[in-house]
Protein backbone atom coordinates (compact mmCIF):
# COMPACT_ATOMS: atom_id res chain seq x y z
CA UNK A 1 0.00 0.00 0.00
CA UNK A 2 1.49 3.31 -1.06
CA UNK A 3 2.23 5.80 1.69
CA UNK A 4 0.14 8.96 1.76
CA UNK A 5 1.82 12.24 0.96
CA UNK A 6 1.72 14.71 3.81
CA UNK A 7 -0.43 17.82 3.24
CA UNK A 8 1.94 19.73 5.52
CA UNK A 9 4.66 19.85 2.84
CA UNK A 10 2.88 22.26 0.52
CA UNK A 11 0.70 19.88 -1.48
CA UNK A 12 -1.03 21.88 -4.19
CA UNK A 13 -4.80 22.09 -4.50
CA UNK A 14 -4.60 20.33 -7.88
CA UNK A 15 -3.00 17.26 -6.25
CA UNK A 16 -5.81 16.85 -3.73
CA UNK A 17 -8.86 14.68 -4.45
CA UNK A 18 -11.55 16.57 -6.36
CA UNK A 19 -14.08 16.11 -3.53
CA UNK A 20 -11.79 17.49 -0.83
CA UNK A 21 -13.41 20.39 1.08
CA UNK A 22 -11.90 23.85 1.27
CA UNK A 23 -9.68 23.57 4.34
CA UNK A 24 -8.47 27.16 4.43
CA UNK A 25 -8.42 27.86 8.16
CA UNK A 26 -8.91 31.62 7.93
CA UNK A 27 -11.94 31.31 5.65
CA UNK A 28 -13.44 28.63 7.87
CA UNK A 29 -12.98 30.68 11.04
CA UNK A 30 -14.66 33.65 9.34
CA UNK A 31 -17.65 31.48 8.44
CA UNK A 32 -17.71 30.03 11.95
CA UNK A 33 -17.75 33.52 13.45
CA UNK A 34 -20.62 34.53 11.20
CA UNK A 35 -22.60 31.44 12.18
CA UNK A 36 -22.09 32.14 15.88
CA UNK A 37 -23.22 35.72 15.35
CA UNK A 38 -26.30 34.60 13.39
CA UNK A 39 -27.17 31.95 16.00
CA UNK A 40 -26.91 34.59 18.71
CA UNK A 41 -29.28 36.79 16.70
CA UNK A 42 -31.78 33.96 16.27
CA UNK A 43 -31.84 33.47 20.03
CA UNK A 44 -32.15 37.21 20.67
CA UNK A 45 -29.04 37.19 22.86
CA UNK A 46 -26.55 39.97 23.36
CA UNK A 47 -22.88 39.05 23.50
CA UNK A 48 -22.95 39.77 27.22
CA UNK A 49 -25.83 37.33 27.73
CA UNK A 50 -24.04 34.61 25.77
CA UNK A 51 -20.84 35.19 27.74
CA UNK A 52 -22.78 34.79 30.99
CA UNK A 53 -24.60 31.60 29.94
CA UNK A 54 -21.54 29.95 28.38
CA UNK A 55 -19.00 31.14 30.97
CA UNK A 56 -16.86 32.39 28.09
CA UNK A 57 -15.44 35.90 28.11
CA UNK A 58 -16.98 38.62 25.95
CA UNK A 59 -13.50 39.26 24.58
CA UNK A 60 -13.19 35.71 23.29
CA UNK A 61 -16.70 35.84 21.79
CA UNK A 62 -15.81 39.09 20.03
CA UNK A 63 -12.71 37.48 18.55
CA UNK A 64 -14.67 34.37 17.56
CA UNK A 65 -17.38 36.37 15.81
CA UNK A 66 -14.82 38.47 13.96
CA UNK A 67 -13.20 35.32 12.52
CA UNK A 68 -10.25 35.12 14.92
CA UNK A 69 -11.37 32.04 16.86
CA UNK A 70 -9.16 29.33 18.28
CA UNK A 71 -7.26 27.60 15.49
CA UNK A 72 -7.83 24.19 17.13
CA UNK A 73 -11.36 24.01 15.72
CA UNK A 74 -9.95 24.44 12.22
CA UNK A 75 -7.42 21.67 12.90
CA UNK A 76 -10.20 19.39 14.14
CA UNK A 77 -12.02 20.08 10.89
CA UNK A 78 -8.95 18.92 8.94
CA UNK A 79 -8.93 15.70 10.95
CA UNK A 80 -12.62 15.13 10.15
CA UNK A 81 -11.91 15.70 6.45
CA UNK A 82 -9.04 13.22 6.53
CA UNK A 83 -11.32 10.65 8.17
CA UNK A 84 -14.07 11.37 5.66
CA UNK A 85 -16.68 12.13 8.34
CA UNK A 86 -18.68 15.30 9.06
CA UNK A 87 -17.19 17.48 11.77
CA UNK A 88 -20.44 17.32 13.74
CA UNK A 89 -20.02 13.55 14.13
CA UNK A 90 -16.75 14.04 16.00
CA UNK A 91 -18.10 16.67 18.40
CA UNK A 92 -21.55 15.12 19.02
CA UNK A 93 -22.37 14.18 22.61
CA UNK A 94 -23.21 10.63 21.47
CA UNK A 95 -22.76 8.56 18.32
CA UNK A 96 -25.95 8.65 16.21
CA UNK A 97 -27.53 5.41 14.92
CA UNK A 98 -26.29 4.32 11.52
CA UNK A 99 -29.78 4.93 10.09
CA UNK A 100 -29.58 8.56 11.16
CA UNK A 101 -26.18 8.96 9.51
CA UNK A 102 -27.40 7.41 6.26
CA UNK A 103 -30.52 9.58 6.25
CA UNK A 104 -28.47 12.71 6.97
CA UNK A 105 -26.17 11.86 4.06
CA UNK A 106 -29.13 11.37 1.73
CA UNK A 107 -30.67 14.68 2.80
CA UNK A 108 -27.32 16.44 2.41
CA UNK A 109 -27.42 15.73 -1.34
CA UNK A 110 -30.86 17.26 -1.89
CA UNK A 111 -31.57 20.74 -3.24
CA UNK A 112 -33.53 23.23 -1.11
CA UNK A 113 -36.71 22.47 -3.06
CA UNK A 114 -36.17 18.73 -2.62
CA UNK A 115 -35.56 19.20 1.10
CA UNK A 116 -38.89 21.02 1.38
CA UNK A 117 -40.62 18.11 -0.36
CA UNK A 118 -38.84 15.59 1.87
CA UNK A 119 -39.88 17.53 4.97
CA UNK A 120 -43.52 17.42 3.83
CA UNK A 121 -43.33 13.66 3.24
CA UNK A 122 -41.80 13.00 6.65
CA UNK A 123 -44.35 15.25 8.35
CA UNK A 124 -47.22 13.45 6.64
CA UNK A 125 -45.88 10.00 7.54
CA UNK A 126 -44.44 10.62 11.00
CA UNK A 127 -45.57 14.08 12.02
CA UNK A 128 -48.86 15.79 12.85
CA UNK A 129 -51.22 13.88 15.12
CA UNK A 130 -54.83 13.40 14.07
CA UNK A 131 -56.09 15.97 16.56
CA UNK A 132 -53.66 18.78 15.70
CA UNK A 133 -56.38 21.06 14.29
CA UNK A 134 -57.88 21.21 17.78
CA UNK A 135 -54.93 23.34 18.81
CA UNK A 136 -53.76 26.55 17.15
CA UNK A 137 -50.32 28.04 17.80
CA UNK A 138 -49.54 31.62 16.84
CA UNK A 139 -45.83 32.12 16.31
CA UNK A 140 -43.60 35.05 15.44
CA UNK A 141 -41.28 37.65 16.92
CA UNK A 142 -42.53 39.86 19.73
CA UNK A 143 -44.80 42.58 18.37
CA UNK A 144 -46.33 40.48 15.58
CA UNK A 145 -49.74 40.45 17.32
CA UNK A 146 -49.85 37.07 19.10
CA UNK A 147 -50.96 38.34 22.52
CA UNK A 148 -53.58 40.61 20.95
CA UNK A 149 -55.02 38.24 18.35
CA UNK A 150 -54.70 35.04 20.42
CA UNK A 151 -57.40 35.90 22.99
CA UNK A 152 -59.62 37.31 20.23
CA UNK A 153 -59.36 34.12 18.17
CA UNK A 154 -59.91 31.92 21.23
CA UNK A 155 -63.06 33.87 22.09
CA UNK A 156 -64.36 33.57 18.53
CA UNK A 157 -63.77 29.80 18.58
CA UNK A 158 -64.98 29.45 22.19
CA UNK A 159 -61.68 27.88 23.08
CA UNK A 160 -59.17 28.69 25.82
CA UNK A 161 -56.22 31.03 25.32
CA UNK A 162 -52.78 29.94 26.55
CA UNK A 163 -49.78 32.24 26.92
CA UNK A 164 -46.89 29.80 26.59
CA UNK A 165 -44.56 31.80 28.84
CA UNK A 166 -47.07 31.58 31.71
CA UNK A 167 -47.33 27.81 31.24
CA UNK A 168 -43.53 27.57 31.29
CA UNK A 169 -43.52 29.38 34.63
CA UNK A 170 -45.97 26.81 36.00
CA UNK A 171 -43.81 23.99 34.66
CA UNK A 172 -40.67 25.41 36.28
CA UNK A 173 -42.33 26.75 39.42
CA UNK A 174 -40.59 30.10 38.94
CA UNK A 175 -40.98 33.35 36.98
CA UNK A 176 -39.31 33.60 33.57
CA UNK A 177 -36.67 36.00 34.92
CA UNK A 178 -35.62 33.50 37.59
CA UNK A 179 -35.50 30.63 35.09
CA UNK A 180 -33.08 32.60 32.93
CA UNK A 181 -31.05 33.74 35.93
CA UNK A 182 -30.69 30.21 37.35
CA UNK A 183 -30.49 28.04 34.24
CA UNK A 184 -29.72 30.39 31.35
CA UNK A 185 -31.39 30.31 27.97
CA UNK A 186 -30.67 26.60 27.47
CA UNK A 187 -32.53 25.78 30.68
CA UNK A 188 -35.47 27.94 29.67
CA UNK A 189 -35.67 26.18 26.29
CA UNK A 190 -35.74 22.80 28.04
CA UNK A 191 -38.75 23.90 30.10
CA UNK A 192 -40.31 25.35 26.95
CA UNK A 193 -40.09 22.01 25.12
CA UNK A 194 -41.48 20.10 28.12
CA UNK A 195 -44.37 22.55 28.37
CA UNK A 196 -45.26 22.23 24.69
CA UNK A 197 -45.20 18.44 24.97
CA UNK A 198 -47.50 18.57 28.02
CA UNK A 199 -49.97 20.96 26.38
CA UNK A 200 -50.23 18.78 23.28
CA UNK A 201 -50.58 15.64 25.38
CA UNK A 202 -53.20 17.00 27.80
CA UNK A 203 -55.08 19.88 26.15
CA UNK A 204 -57.21 20.56 23.09
CA UNK A 205 -59.37 23.44 21.89
CA UNK A 206 -56.67 25.94 22.83
CA UNK A 207 -55.02 28.89 21.10
CA UNK A 208 -51.36 29.19 22.09
CA UNK A 209 -49.28 32.36 21.86
CA UNK A 210 -45.74 31.00 21.58
CA UNK A 211 -42.59 32.88 22.54
CA UNK A 212 -40.63 34.64 19.83
CA UNK A 213 -37.51 32.58 20.51
CA UNK A 214 -39.22 29.46 19.19
CA UNK A 215 -37.90 30.38 15.75
CA UNK A 216 -34.43 29.39 16.94
CA UNK A 217 -35.39 26.05 18.51
CA UNK A 218 -35.89 23.25 15.94
CA UNK A 219 -36.90 20.57 18.48
CA UNK A 220 -39.54 22.70 20.21
CA UNK A 221 -40.79 24.12 16.92
CA UNK A 222 -41.19 20.70 15.35
CA UNK A 223 -43.08 19.45 18.41
CA UNK A 224 -45.43 22.42 18.17
CA UNK A 225 -45.86 21.94 14.43
CA UNK A 226 -46.78 18.28 14.89
CA UNK A 227 -49.37 19.00 17.56
CA UNK A 228 -50.96 22.26 16.37
CA UNK A 229 -52.07 24.24 13.39
CA UNK A 230 -49.21 26.74 13.31
CA UNK A 231 -49.74 30.26 11.98
CA UNK A 232 -46.82 32.63 11.53
CA UNK A 233 -47.73 36.23 12.27
CA UNK A 234 -45.39 38.63 10.49
CA UNK A 235 -45.08 42.41 10.48
CA UNK A 236 -42.64 45.04 9.32
CA UNK A 237 -39.73 45.86 11.65
CA UNK A 238 -41.27 49.30 12.19
CA UNK A 239 -44.59 47.78 13.27
CA UNK A 240 -42.80 45.34 15.60
CA UNK A 241 -40.98 48.26 17.20
CA UNK A 242 -44.06 50.44 17.58
CA UNK A 243 -46.13 47.65 19.13
CA UNK A 244 -43.46 46.63 21.63
CA UNK A 245 -42.97 50.25 22.67
CA UNK A 246 -46.73 50.55 23.14
CA UNK A 247 -46.90 47.34 25.20
CA UNK A 248 -43.91 48.19 27.38
CA UNK A 249 -44.75 51.84 27.85
CA UNK A 250 -41.16 52.76 27.03
CA UNK A 251 -38.62 52.27 24.24
CA UNK A 252 -37.36 48.89 25.35
CA UNK A 253 -36.64 46.44 22.56
CA UNK A 254 -33.98 43.79 23.13
CA UNK A 255 -32.92 45.72 26.22
CA UNK A 256 -31.85 48.68 24.09
CA UNK A 257 -33.03 52.20 23.41
CA UNK A 258 -34.89 53.35 20.32
CA UNK A 259 -31.83 53.81 18.15
CA UNK A 260 -30.37 52.54 14.92
CA UNK A 261 -28.35 49.80 16.62
CA UNK A 262 -31.37 48.30 18.38
CA UNK A 263 -33.40 48.45 15.15
CA UNK A 264 -30.56 46.71 13.33
CA UNK A 265 -30.64 43.96 15.99
CA UNK A 266 -34.38 43.59 15.50
CA UNK A 267 -33.99 43.32 11.72
CA UNK A 268 -31.27 40.68 12.19
CA UNK A 269 -33.51 38.64 14.49
CA UNK A 270 -36.39 38.79 12.01
CA UNK A 271 -34.07 37.72 9.19
CA UNK A 272 -32.48 34.85 11.12
CA UNK A 273 -35.76 33.42 12.44
CA UNK A 274 -37.70 33.68 9.19
CA UNK A 275 -36.45 30.37 7.68
CA UNK A 276 -37.81 28.40 10.66
CA UNK A 277 -41.04 30.37 10.94
CA UNK A 278 -41.67 29.87 7.22
CA UNK A 279 -42.26 26.17 7.87
CA UNK A 280 -45.50 27.01 9.70
CA UNK A 281 -48.79 25.80 8.20
CA UNK A 282 -49.87 29.34 7.30
CA UNK A 283 -48.56 32.90 7.25
CA UNK A 284 -50.42 36.11 8.07
CA UNK A 285 -49.01 39.62 7.60
CA UNK A 286 -50.51 41.91 10.25
CA UNK A 287 -48.83 45.12 9.05
CA UNK A 288 -51.31 47.82 8.15
CA UNK A 289 -54.20 45.68 9.43
CA UNK A 290 -56.49 46.40 12.36
CA UNK A 291 -56.90 43.63 14.98
CA UNK A 292 -60.44 43.05 13.71
CA UNK A 293 -59.23 42.65 10.12
CA UNK A 294 -56.42 40.29 11.17
CA UNK A 295 -58.91 38.25 13.22
CA UNK A 296 -61.04 37.70 10.12
CA UNK A 297 -57.92 36.65 8.22
CA UNK A 298 -57.11 34.15 10.98
CA UNK A 299 -60.64 32.78 10.90
CA UNK A 300 -60.38 32.18 7.15
CA UNK A 301 -57.02 30.39 7.61
CA UNK A 302 -58.54 28.08 10.24
CA UNK A 303 -61.57 27.33 8.05
CA UNK A 304 -59.35 26.58 5.05
CA UNK A 305 -57.24 24.18 7.13
CA UNK A 306 -60.37 22.37 8.31
CA UNK A 307 -61.63 22.06 4.72
CA UNK A 308 -58.29 20.71 3.53
CA UNK A 309 -58.22 18.20 6.37
CA UNK A 310 -61.72 16.90 5.56
CA UNK A 311 -60.91 16.74 1.85
CA UNK A 312 -63.76 18.98 0.85
């Protein structure tokens, strides 16, 4: 068996196998920093919040997000490439079943449109329970209209309204602020997922107003999507801002003042959460609409879903 040539001796790109990934460390660290920054935006976390929850200094996070992270992660990526395995397999908490690995590899080769079709097939075969139309979940970033339209829709349907954050407090036995202070965002998301599972298991004829952070939590979102008719409420960034200011009684969005930086953070959150929210069963734009008009739109969405389910 011929010995391998070392890549540390200046092997040219042309001599590498055609399928070899781009292993440029600097480029990879830049992409990694951007992904960390985008993930932080999806979760609505400031760098200070992430530093607190992860016990990592703000200075390190700043370097990581600017593309100057620890080189060891880039070296680990080279090892994964040499082994011919995805990097995530090496850093996973546990080894996934072989079926999962094969399915992930199959999905990796699909186009975005094919992935959407595959998602629909899996949801139809393994997803939504038969009673999911007896629960409606309104999702979207804070200020989209969930807490206003949720009670109105529940009253129209003669169902009960559920504010998910209040149910999470009951599950944890503590206010939201204490949950975050004691367990961080990861702990809060664990309680959130447990609460959604309990509501779907035990309740029906409810309208749920879900927290805005659900758009960054695939496991919780998928559980909600399986057990409810999910409706994504969207609005312009300006409408989000105005409504939150009105609710809070002061200019307090993302813990910041009404300035360009805070608005930029809001736009980034909307952008980063949109891909997950877009997988909801329906979408309703509440910008430029009165609550009464949006309520009628919601009623039509629910009626259309019921017709589709009955095949009429």
